[in-house]
N, C-alpha and C. Protein backbone atom coordinates (compact mmCIF):
# COMPACT_ATOMS: atom_id res chain seq x y z
N PHE A 1 -10.97 -2.55 -4.42
CA PHE A 1 -12.38 -2.25 -4.42
C PHE A 1 -13.20 -3.37 -3.78
N ARG A 2 -12.64 -3.96 -2.74
CA ARG A 2 -13.32 -5.07 -2.05
C ARG A 2 -14.41 -4.59 -1.10
N ARG A 3 -14.32 -3.35 -0.65
CA ARG A 3 -15.30 -2.81 0.29
C ARG A 3 -15.99 -1.62 -0.34
N ASP A 4 -17.27 -1.49 -0.16
CA ASP A 4 -18.03 -0.38 -0.74
C ASP A 4 -17.45 0.95 -0.32
N GLY A 5 -17.22 1.82 -1.29
CA GLY A 5 -16.77 3.17 -1.02
C GLY A 5 -15.30 3.33 -0.69
N ILE A 6 -14.56 2.23 -0.69
CA ILE A 6 -13.14 2.29 -0.32
C ILE A 6 -12.29 1.68 -1.44
N ALA A 7 -11.30 2.43 -1.87
CA ALA A 7 -10.31 1.92 -2.81
C ALA A 7 -9.06 1.60 -2.01
N GLU A 8 -8.53 0.42 -2.21
CA GLU A 8 -7.40 -0.04 -1.40
C GLU A 8 -6.20 -0.32 -2.30
N LEU A 9 -5.08 0.28 -1.95
CA LEU A 9 -3.83 0.05 -2.67
C LEU A 9 -3.00 -0.91 -1.84
N ALA A 10 -2.70 -2.06 -2.40
CA ALA A 10 -1.91 -3.07 -1.70
C ALA A 10 -0.89 -3.66 -2.66
N LEU A 11 0.23 -4.04 -2.14
CA LEU A 11 1.27 -4.72 -2.90
C LEU A 11 1.81 -3.90 -4.06
N GLY A 12 1.97 -2.62 -3.84
CA GLY A 12 2.59 -1.78 -4.84
C GLY A 12 4.03 -1.51 -4.44
N GLY A 13 4.87 -1.27 -5.39
CA GLY A 13 6.25 -0.96 -5.04
C GLY A 13 7.15 -0.95 -6.24
N LEU A 14 8.40 -0.64 -5.98
CA LEU A 14 9.41 -0.59 -7.02
C LEU A 14 10.38 -1.74 -6.84
N THR A 15 10.93 -2.21 -7.94
CA THR A 15 11.99 -3.21 -7.84
C THR A 15 13.27 -2.50 -7.40
N LEU A 16 14.22 -3.25 -6.91
CA LEU A 16 15.45 -2.67 -6.38
C LEU A 16 16.16 -1.77 -7.38
N ASP A 17 16.10 -2.09 -8.65
CA ASP A 17 16.77 -1.28 -9.67
C ASP A 17 16.26 0.16 -9.73
N PHE A 18 15.01 0.40 -9.27
CA PHE A 18 14.41 1.72 -9.40
C PHE A 18 14.32 2.50 -8.10
N ILE A 19 14.63 1.86 -6.97
CA ILE A 19 14.60 2.56 -5.68
C ILE A 19 15.71 3.60 -5.67
N GLY A 20 15.39 4.79 -5.16
CA GLY A 20 16.37 5.86 -5.05
C GLY A 20 16.43 6.77 -6.26
N GLN A 21 15.53 6.58 -7.22
CA GLN A 21 15.51 7.42 -8.42
C GLN A 21 14.34 8.40 -8.43
N ASN A 22 13.72 8.61 -7.26
CA ASN A 22 12.58 9.52 -7.11
C ASN A 22 11.39 9.12 -7.98
N LEU A 23 11.21 7.84 -8.18
CA LEU A 23 10.07 7.35 -8.97
C LEU A 23 8.89 6.94 -8.10
N GLY A 24 9.12 6.65 -6.82
CA GLY A 24 8.06 6.19 -5.95
C GLY A 24 6.91 7.16 -5.84
N GLY A 25 7.22 8.44 -5.65
CA GLY A 25 6.18 9.46 -5.55
C GLY A 25 5.38 9.60 -6.83
N TYR A 26 6.08 9.50 -7.96
CA TYR A 26 5.39 9.58 -9.25
C TYR A 26 4.39 8.43 -9.40
N PHE A 27 4.84 7.21 -9.13
CA PHE A 27 3.95 6.07 -9.28
C PHE A 27 2.84 6.07 -8.23
N LEU A 28 3.12 6.53 -7.02
CA LEU A 28 2.08 6.63 -6.01
C LEU A 28 1.02 7.63 -6.46
N GLY A 29 1.44 8.78 -7.00
CA GLY A 29 0.47 9.76 -7.51
C GLY A 29 -0.38 9.18 -8.61
N TRP A 30 0.24 8.44 -9.51
CA TRP A 30 -0.51 7.81 -10.60
C TRP A 30 -1.54 6.83 -10.04
N ALA A 31 -1.13 6.02 -9.06
CA ALA A 31 -2.03 5.03 -8.46
C ALA A 31 -3.18 5.71 -7.72
N ILE A 32 -2.89 6.77 -6.99
CA ILE A 32 -3.95 7.49 -6.27
C ILE A 32 -4.97 8.04 -7.26
N ASN A 33 -4.51 8.63 -8.35
CA ASN A 33 -5.44 9.15 -9.36
C ASN A 33 -6.29 8.02 -9.95
N ALA A 34 -5.71 6.84 -10.12
CA ALA A 34 -6.45 5.71 -10.67
C ALA A 34 -7.48 5.16 -9.69
N LEU A 35 -7.27 5.37 -8.39
CA LEU A 35 -8.20 4.86 -7.38
C LEU A 35 -9.52 5.62 -7.35
N TRP A 36 -9.46 6.92 -7.60
CA TRP A 36 -10.66 7.75 -7.47
C TRP A 36 -11.59 7.54 -8.65
N ARG A 37 -12.81 7.19 -8.35
CA ARG A 37 -13.86 7.01 -9.34
C ARG A 37 -15.19 7.21 -8.64
N PRO A 38 -16.28 7.33 -9.38
CA PRO A 38 -17.58 7.54 -8.72
C PRO A 38 -17.86 6.46 -7.67
N GLY A 39 -18.34 6.89 -6.52
CA GLY A 39 -18.68 5.98 -5.44
C GLY A 39 -17.56 5.73 -4.45
N ILE A 40 -16.35 6.17 -4.75
CA ILE A 40 -15.23 5.99 -3.83
C ILE A 40 -15.15 7.19 -2.91
N GLU A 41 -15.21 6.94 -1.61
CA GLU A 41 -15.17 7.99 -0.61
C GLU A 41 -13.84 8.06 0.12
N LYS A 42 -13.10 6.96 0.09
CA LYS A 42 -11.86 6.89 0.85
C LYS A 42 -10.88 5.97 0.13
N ALA A 43 -9.61 6.32 0.21
CA ALA A 43 -8.54 5.47 -0.33
C ALA A 43 -7.67 5.00 0.83
N ALA A 44 -7.26 3.75 0.78
CA ALA A 44 -6.43 3.17 1.84
C ALA A 44 -5.19 2.54 1.22
N VAL A 45 -4.10 2.60 1.97
CA VAL A 45 -2.86 1.94 1.57
C VAL A 45 -2.51 0.93 2.65
N ASP A 46 -2.28 -0.30 2.24
CA ASP A 46 -1.79 -1.32 3.16
C ASP A 46 -0.29 -1.44 2.96
N THR A 47 0.43 -1.34 4.04
CA THR A 47 1.88 -1.45 3.97
C THR A 47 2.34 -2.44 5.03
N ASN A 48 3.57 -2.85 4.94
CA ASN A 48 4.08 -3.79 5.94
C ASN A 48 5.57 -3.57 6.14
N ALA A 49 6.13 -4.31 7.07
CA ALA A 49 7.53 -4.11 7.45
C ALA A 49 8.51 -4.44 6.32
N ARG A 50 8.06 -5.11 5.28
CA ARG A 50 8.94 -5.44 4.17
C ARG A 50 9.06 -4.30 3.17
N ASP A 51 8.24 -3.25 3.32
CA ASP A 51 8.34 -2.08 2.44
C ASP A 51 9.66 -1.37 2.66
N GLN A 52 10.08 -0.62 1.69
CA GLN A 52 11.29 0.18 1.78
C GLN A 52 11.14 1.14 2.96
N SER A 53 12.20 1.47 3.63
CA SER A 53 12.15 2.24 4.87
C SER A 53 11.50 3.61 4.71
N ARG A 54 11.52 4.20 3.54
CA ARG A 54 10.93 5.53 3.34
C ARG A 54 9.49 5.49 2.85
N ALA A 55 8.93 4.30 2.68
CA ALA A 55 7.58 4.18 2.10
C ALA A 55 6.52 4.86 2.97
N LEU A 56 6.53 4.61 4.26
CA LEU A 56 5.50 5.19 5.13
C LEU A 56 5.53 6.70 5.06
N ALA A 57 6.71 7.30 5.10
CA ALA A 57 6.82 8.77 5.02
C ALA A 57 6.26 9.28 3.69
N MET A 58 6.48 8.54 2.62
CA MET A 58 5.96 8.95 1.31
C MET A 58 4.43 8.88 1.30
N TYR A 59 3.86 7.83 1.89
CA TYR A 59 2.40 7.74 1.97
C TYR A 59 1.83 8.89 2.79
N GLN A 60 2.48 9.21 3.89
CA GLN A 60 2.00 10.31 4.72
C GLN A 60 2.13 11.64 3.99
N LYS A 61 3.19 11.84 3.25
CA LYS A 61 3.36 13.08 2.47
C LYS A 61 2.25 13.21 1.42
N ALA A 62 1.77 12.07 0.93
CA ALA A 62 0.69 12.08 -0.06
C ALA A 62 -0.68 12.30 0.58
N GLY A 63 -0.73 12.37 1.92
CA GLY A 63 -1.99 12.67 2.60
C GLY A 63 -2.58 11.51 3.38
N PHE A 64 -1.97 10.35 3.34
CA PHE A 64 -2.49 9.21 4.09
C PHE A 64 -2.11 9.36 5.56
N GLN A 65 -2.95 8.79 6.43
CA GLN A 65 -2.70 8.82 7.87
C GLN A 65 -2.67 7.39 8.39
N VAL A 66 -1.83 7.14 9.37
CA VAL A 66 -1.81 5.83 10.01
C VAL A 66 -3.07 5.71 10.86
N VAL A 67 -3.86 4.68 10.61
CA VAL A 67 -5.09 4.48 11.39
C VAL A 67 -5.04 3.21 12.22
N ARG A 68 -4.11 2.32 11.89
CA ARG A 68 -4.01 1.08 12.66
C ARG A 68 -2.65 0.44 12.40
N ARG A 69 -2.12 -0.15 13.42
CA ARG A 69 -0.92 -0.96 13.30
C ARG A 69 -1.24 -2.32 13.90
N GLU A 70 -0.80 -3.35 13.23
CA GLU A 70 -1.02 -4.69 13.77
C GLU A 70 0.16 -5.58 13.41
N SER A 71 0.35 -6.60 14.20
CA SER A 71 1.41 -7.57 13.96
C SER A 71 0.77 -8.92 13.75
N SER A 72 1.32 -9.66 12.82
CA SER A 72 0.82 -11.02 12.60
C SER A 72 1.96 -11.87 12.06
N TRP A 73 1.82 -13.17 12.23
CA TRP A 73 2.82 -14.11 11.75
C TRP A 73 2.10 -15.23 11.03
N LEU A 74 2.70 -15.76 10.03
CA LEU A 74 2.19 -16.91 9.31
C LEU A 74 3.01 -18.11 9.73
N THR A 75 2.36 -19.09 10.34
CA THR A 75 3.08 -20.28 10.78
C THR A 75 3.21 -21.24 9.61
N PRO A 76 4.19 -22.14 9.64
CA PRO A 76 4.35 -23.10 8.53
C PRO A 76 3.09 -23.88 8.20
N ASN A 77 2.33 -24.30 9.20
CA ASN A 77 1.10 -25.05 8.94
C ASN A 77 0.06 -24.20 8.19
N GLU A 78 -0.05 -22.92 8.53
CA GLU A 78 -0.97 -22.02 7.84
C GLU A 78 -0.54 -21.82 6.41
N ALA A 79 0.76 -21.69 6.19
CA ALA A 79 1.27 -21.48 4.83
C ALA A 79 0.96 -22.67 3.95
N LEU A 80 1.10 -23.88 4.48
CA LEU A 80 0.80 -25.08 3.70
C LEU A 80 -0.69 -25.19 3.42
N ALA A 81 -1.52 -24.82 4.39
CA ALA A 81 -2.97 -24.90 4.21
C ALA A 81 -3.46 -23.91 3.16
N ALA A 82 -2.74 -22.80 2.98
CA ALA A 82 -3.14 -21.77 2.02
C ALA A 82 -2.99 -22.24 0.59
N HIS A 83 -2.13 -23.21 0.35
CA HIS A 83 -1.94 -23.72 -1.01
C HIS A 83 -2.95 -24.74 -1.29
């Protein structure tokens, strides 16, 4: 809820023990329902290359659309400055 009217889902996922048990869709549905509240017009999911290989397809099946792709790298100096 960092931007007006937009609910953003970031850093969600399952631990390795639960991948492959058809739980991802259940938890995604629960999270989507939790995002909607008065004043929210749009929901967004941030994903990255470290997500499980089927994650993007699951987000799309839930109704999300890819609107942007970007690449970035964190250099060692940036990582140290962040702490």
